[in-house]
Amino acid sequence: QVQLVESGGGLVQAGGSLRLSCAASGRTISNYPMGWFRQAPGKERMFVAAIKWSDSYTYYADSVKGRFTISRDNAKNTVFLQMNKLKPEDTAAYYCAAGRAFVPLGYPISPGEYDIWGQGTQVTVSS
């Protein structure tokens, strides 16, 4: 079974950058589609970005397109989310998620596509 641990969150001023990491253990994630979601207090968990396992094709929510970049380092069994030009509305708990091994994402923005979740890391952007 895969376990996921996020890190890299923190407090940053608007316009700043953070790099989140999602370290996997228990099994290689090279064959898993991976995603990042975020959840603000009182709101639903929302899709941020996803990356395919087969060709590393990426997907982004419109709200982060051009500012965030998802990537994976299979040698390190880690997925990253580089976040630039952060805005106060990016404030949320960020969660890493793994889909199903060797199964393409049918609807990447849906939390139901992902079976394994990390505990989350808090990102707070001050204005």
C-alpha atoms as a PDB file:
ATOM      1  CA  GLN A   1       0.000   0.000   0.000  1.00  0.00           C
ATOM      2  CA  VAL A   2       1.194   3.476  -0.848  1.00  0.00           C
ATOM      3  CA  GLN A   3       1.498   6.111   1.873  1.00  0.00           C
ATOM      4  CA  LEU A   4       1.763   9.796   0.984  1.00  0.00           C
ATOM      5  CA  VAL A   5       3.266  12.581   3.080  1.00  0.00           C
ATOM      6  CA  GLU A   6       3.069  16.217   2.030  1.00  0.00           C
ATOM      7  CA  SER A   7       5.505  18.912   3.079  1.00  0.00           C
ATOM      8  CA  GLY A   8       6.550  22.404   2.100  1.00  0.00           C
ATOM      9  CA  GLY A   9       3.545  24.397   3.198  1.00  0.00           C
ATOM     10  CA  GLY A  10       3.806  27.582   5.183  1.00  0.00           C
ATOM     11  CA  LEU A  11       3.049  31.273   5.371  1.00  0.00           C
ATOM     12  CA  VAL A  12       4.000  33.436   2.407  1.00  0.00           C
ATOM     13  CA  GLN A  13       3.175  36.918   1.192  1.00  0.00           C
ATOM     14  CA  ALA A  14       1.089  37.463  -1.906  1.00  0.00           C
ATOM     15  CA  GLY A  15       3.253  37.197  -4.995  1.00  0.00           C
ATOM     16  CA  GLY A  16       5.603  34.750  -3.349  1.00  0.00           C
ATOM     17  CA  SER A  17       6.353  31.115  -4.103  1.00  0.00           C
ATOM     18  CA  LEU A  18       6.238  27.760  -2.365  1.00  0.00           C
ATOM     19  CA  ARG A  19       7.157  24.265  -3.462  1.00  0.00           C
ATOM     20  CA  LEU A  20       5.116  21.423  -2.058  1.00  0.00           C
ATOM     21  CA  SER A  21       6.441  17.884  -1.992  1.00  0.00           C
ATOM     22  CA  CYS A  22       4.552  14.624  -1.775  1.00  0.00           C
ATOM     23  CA  ALA A  23       6.812  11.773  -0.731  1.00  0.00           C
ATOM     24  CA  ALA A  24       5.505   8.271  -1.294  1.00  0.00           C
ATOM     25  CA  SER A  25       6.490   5.136   0.574  1.00  0.00           C
ATOM     26  CA  GLY A  26       5.449   1.518   0.542  1.00  0.00           C
ATOM     27  CA  ARG A  27       5.442   1.168  -3.215  1.00  0.00           C
ATOM     28  CA  THR A  28       6.725   2.995  -6.263  1.00  0.00           C
ATOM     29  CA  ILE A  29       4.322   5.596  -7.616  1.00  0.00           C
ATOM     30  CA  SER A  30       5.855   5.651 -11.073  1.00  0.00           C
ATOM     31  CA  ASN A  31       2.785   3.836 -12.405  1.00  0.00           C
ATOM     32  CA  TYR A  32       0.217   5.903 -10.541  1.00  0.00           C
ATOM     33  CA  PRO A  33      -1.504   9.043 -11.779  1.00  0.00           C
ATOM     34  CA  MET A  34      -1.034  11.702  -9.117  1.00  0.00           C
ATOM     35  CA  GLY A  35      -2.974  14.784  -8.183  1.00  0.00           C
ATOM     36  CA  TRP A  36      -3.036  17.793  -5.891  1.00  0.00           C
ATOM     37  CA  PHE A  37      -6.216  19.120  -4.331  1.00  0.00           C
ATOM     38  CA  ARG A  38      -6.884  21.903  -1.858  1.00  0.00           C
ATOM     39  CA  GLN A  39      -9.535  22.636   0.692  1.00  0.00           C
ATOM     40  CA  ALA A  40     -10.260  25.951   2.339  1.00  0.00           C
ATOM     41  CA  PRO A  41     -12.200  26.085   5.630  1.00  0.00           C
ATOM     42  CA  GLY A  42     -15.892  25.479   5.058  1.00  0.00           C
ATOM     43  CA  LYS A  43     -15.415  24.663   1.401  1.00  0.00           C
ATOM     44  CA  GLU A  44     -15.268  21.532  -0.716  1.00  0.00           C
ATOM     45  CA  ARG A  45     -12.025  19.871  -1.691  1.00  0.00           C
ATOM     46  CA  MET A  46     -11.074  21.273  -5.078  1.00  0.00           C
ATOM     47  CA  PHE A  47      -8.850  19.996  -7.852  1.00  0.00           C
ATOM     48  CA  VAL A  48      -5.565  21.837  -8.410  1.00  0.00           C
ATOM     49  CA  ALA A  49      -3.395  19.746 -10.726  1.00  0.00           C
ATOM     50  CA  ALA A  50      -2.752  16.200 -11.902  1.00  0.00           C
ATOM     51  CA  ILE A  51      -0.066  14.313 -13.768  1.00  0.00           C
ATOM     52  CA  LYS A  52      -0.394  11.091 -15.735  1.00  0.00           C
ATOM     53  CA  TRP A  53       1.856   8.135 -15.054  1.00  0.00           C
ATOM     54  CA  SER A  54       2.279   7.111 -18.709  1.00  0.00           C
ATOM     55  CA  ASP A  55       3.648  10.288 -20.310  1.00  0.00           C
ATOM     56  CA  SER A  56       3.557  12.843 -17.495  1.00  0.00           C
ATOM     57  CA  TYR A  57       0.877  14.841 -19.267  1.00  0.00           C
ATOM     58  CA  THR A  58      -0.456  17.466 -16.877  1.00  0.00           C
ATOM     59  CA  TYR A  59      -3.830  18.970 -16.037  1.00  0.00           C
ATOM     60  CA  TYR A  60      -4.547  22.208 -14.158  1.00  0.00           C
ATOM     61  CA  ALA A  61      -7.473  24.024 -12.685  1.00  0.00           C
ATOM     62  CA  ASP A  62      -8.109  27.293 -14.503  1.00  0.00           C
ATOM     63  CA  SER A  63      -7.469  29.219 -11.302  1.00  0.00           C
ATOM     64  CA  VAL A  64      -3.846  28.055 -11.106  1.00  0.00           C
ATOM     65  CA  LYS A  65      -2.939  27.615 -14.764  1.00  0.00           C
ATOM     66  CA  GLY A  66       0.221  29.542 -15.585  1.00  0.00           C
ATOM     67  CA  ARG A  67       1.172  29.903 -11.906  1.00  0.00           C
ATOM     68  CA  PHE A  68       1.443  26.324 -10.607  1.00  0.00           C
ATOM     69  CA  THR A  69       3.438  23.431 -12.017  1.00  0.00           C
ATOM     70  CA  ILE A  70       3.045  19.778 -11.107  1.00  0.00           C
ATOM     71  CA  SER A  71       5.955  17.434 -11.705  1.00  0.00           C
ATOM     72  CA  ARG A  72       7.172  14.032 -10.627  1.00  0.00           C
ATOM     73  CA  ASP A  73      10.557  12.511  -9.873  1.00  0.00           C
ATOM     74  CA  ASN A  74      10.085   8.770 -10.074  1.00  0.00           C
ATOM     75  CA  ALA A  75      13.633   8.121  -8.876  1.00  0.00           C
ATOM     76  CA  LYS A  76      12.765   9.941  -5.635  1.00  0.00           C
ATOM     77  CA  ASN A  77       9.215   8.564  -5.543  1.00  0.00           C
ATOM     78  CA  THR A  78       8.026  12.125  -5.103  1.00  0.00           C
ATOM     79  CA  VAL A  79       5.565  14.507  -6.718  1.00  0.00           C
ATOM     80  CA  PHE A  80       5.961  18.270  -6.526  1.00  0.00           C
ATOM     81  CA  LEU A  81       3.748  21.297  -6.837  1.00  0.00           C
ATOM     82  CA  GLN A  82       5.618  24.505  -7.603  1.00  0.00           C
ATOM     83  CA  MET A  83       3.405  27.453  -6.747  1.00  0.00           C
ATOM     84  CA  ASN A  84       4.346  30.908  -8.010  1.00  0.00           C
ATOM     85  CA  LYS A  85       2.604  34.270  -7.875  1.00  0.00           C
ATOM     86  CA  LEU A  86       0.576  33.125  -4.910  1.00  0.00           C
ATOM     87  CA  LYS A  87      -2.642  34.919  -4.069  1.00  0.00           C
ATOM     88  CA  PRO A  88      -4.606  35.110  -0.795  1.00  0.00           C
ATOM     89  CA  GLU A  89      -7.295  32.967  -2.418  1.00  0.00           C
ATOM     90  CA  ASP A  90      -4.756  30.146  -2.722  1.00  0.00           C
ATOM     91  CA  THR A  91      -4.876  29.779   1.071  1.00  0.00           C
ATOM     92  CA  ALA A  92      -5.953  26.225   1.877  1.00  0.00           C
ATOM     93  CA  ALA A  93      -4.833  22.828   3.054  1.00  0.00           C
ATOM     94  CA  TYR A  94      -3.184  21.088   0.121  1.00  0.00           C
ATOM     95  CA  TYR A  95      -3.528  17.355  -0.341  1.00  0.00           C
ATOM     96  CA  CYS A  96      -1.606  14.941  -2.504  1.00  0.00           C
ATOM     97  CA  ALA A  97      -3.495  11.983  -3.956  1.00  0.00           C
ATOM     98  CA  ALA A  98      -2.710   8.841  -5.922  1.00  0.00           C
ATOM     99  CA  GLY A  99      -4.998   7.265  -8.470  1.00  0.00           C
ATOM    100  CA  ARG A 100      -4.986   3.607  -9.434  1.00  0.00           C
ATOM    101  CA  ALA A 101      -1.846   1.951 -10.744  1.00  0.00           C
ATOM    102  CA  PHE A 102      -1.797   1.626 -14.524  1.00  0.00           C
ATOM    103  CA  VAL A 103      -5.298   3.105 -14.781  1.00  0.00           C
ATOM    104  CA  PRO A 104      -5.642   6.325 -16.775  1.00  0.00           C
ATOM    105  CA  LEU A 105      -7.488   9.202 -15.171  1.00  0.00           C
ATOM    106  CA  GLY A 106     -10.938   9.432 -16.700  1.00  0.00           C
ATOM    107  CA  TYR A 107     -11.930  12.658 -14.983  1.00  0.00           C
ATOM    108  CA  PRO A 108      -8.841  14.127 -13.308  1.00  0.00           C
ATOM    109  CA  ILE A 109     -10.677  16.857 -11.411  1.00  0.00           C
ATOM    110  CA  SER A 110     -12.825  14.377  -9.486  1.00  0.00           C
ATOM    111  CA  PRO A 111     -11.617  13.304  -6.014  1.00  0.00           C
ATOM    112  CA  GLY A 112     -13.266   9.952  -6.727  1.00  0.00           C
ATOM    113  CA  GLU A 113     -10.525   9.164  -9.251  1.00  0.00           C
ATOM    114  CA  TYR A 114      -7.998   8.955  -6.418  1.00  0.00           C
ATOM    115  CA  ASP A 115      -7.783   6.175  -3.867  1.00  0.00           C
ATOM    116  CA  ILE A 116      -4.912   7.252  -1.634  1.00  0.00           C
ATOM    117  CA  TRP A 117      -4.574  10.596   0.130  1.00  0.00           C
ATOM    118  CA  GLY A 118      -1.987  12.306   2.262  1.00  0.00           C
ATOM    119  CA  GLN A 119      -2.708  14.206   5.458  1.00  0.00           C
ATOM    120  CA  GLY A 120      -2.271  17.616   3.876  1.00  0.00           C
ATOM    121  CA  THR A 121      -0.047  20.629   4.332  1.00  0.00           C
ATOM    122  CA  GLN A 122      -1.294  24.132   5.092  1.00  0.00           C
ATOM    123  CA  VAL A 123      -0.573  27.019   2.758  1.00  0.00           C
ATOM    124  CA  THR A 124      -1.410  30.522   3.946  1.00  0.00           C
ATOM    125  CA  VAL A 125      -0.962  33.524   1.676  1.00  0.00           C
ATOM    126  CA  SER A 126      -1.111  36.943   3.316  1.00  0.00           C
ATOM    127  CA  SER A 127      -2.160  40.064   1.454  1.00  0.00           C
END
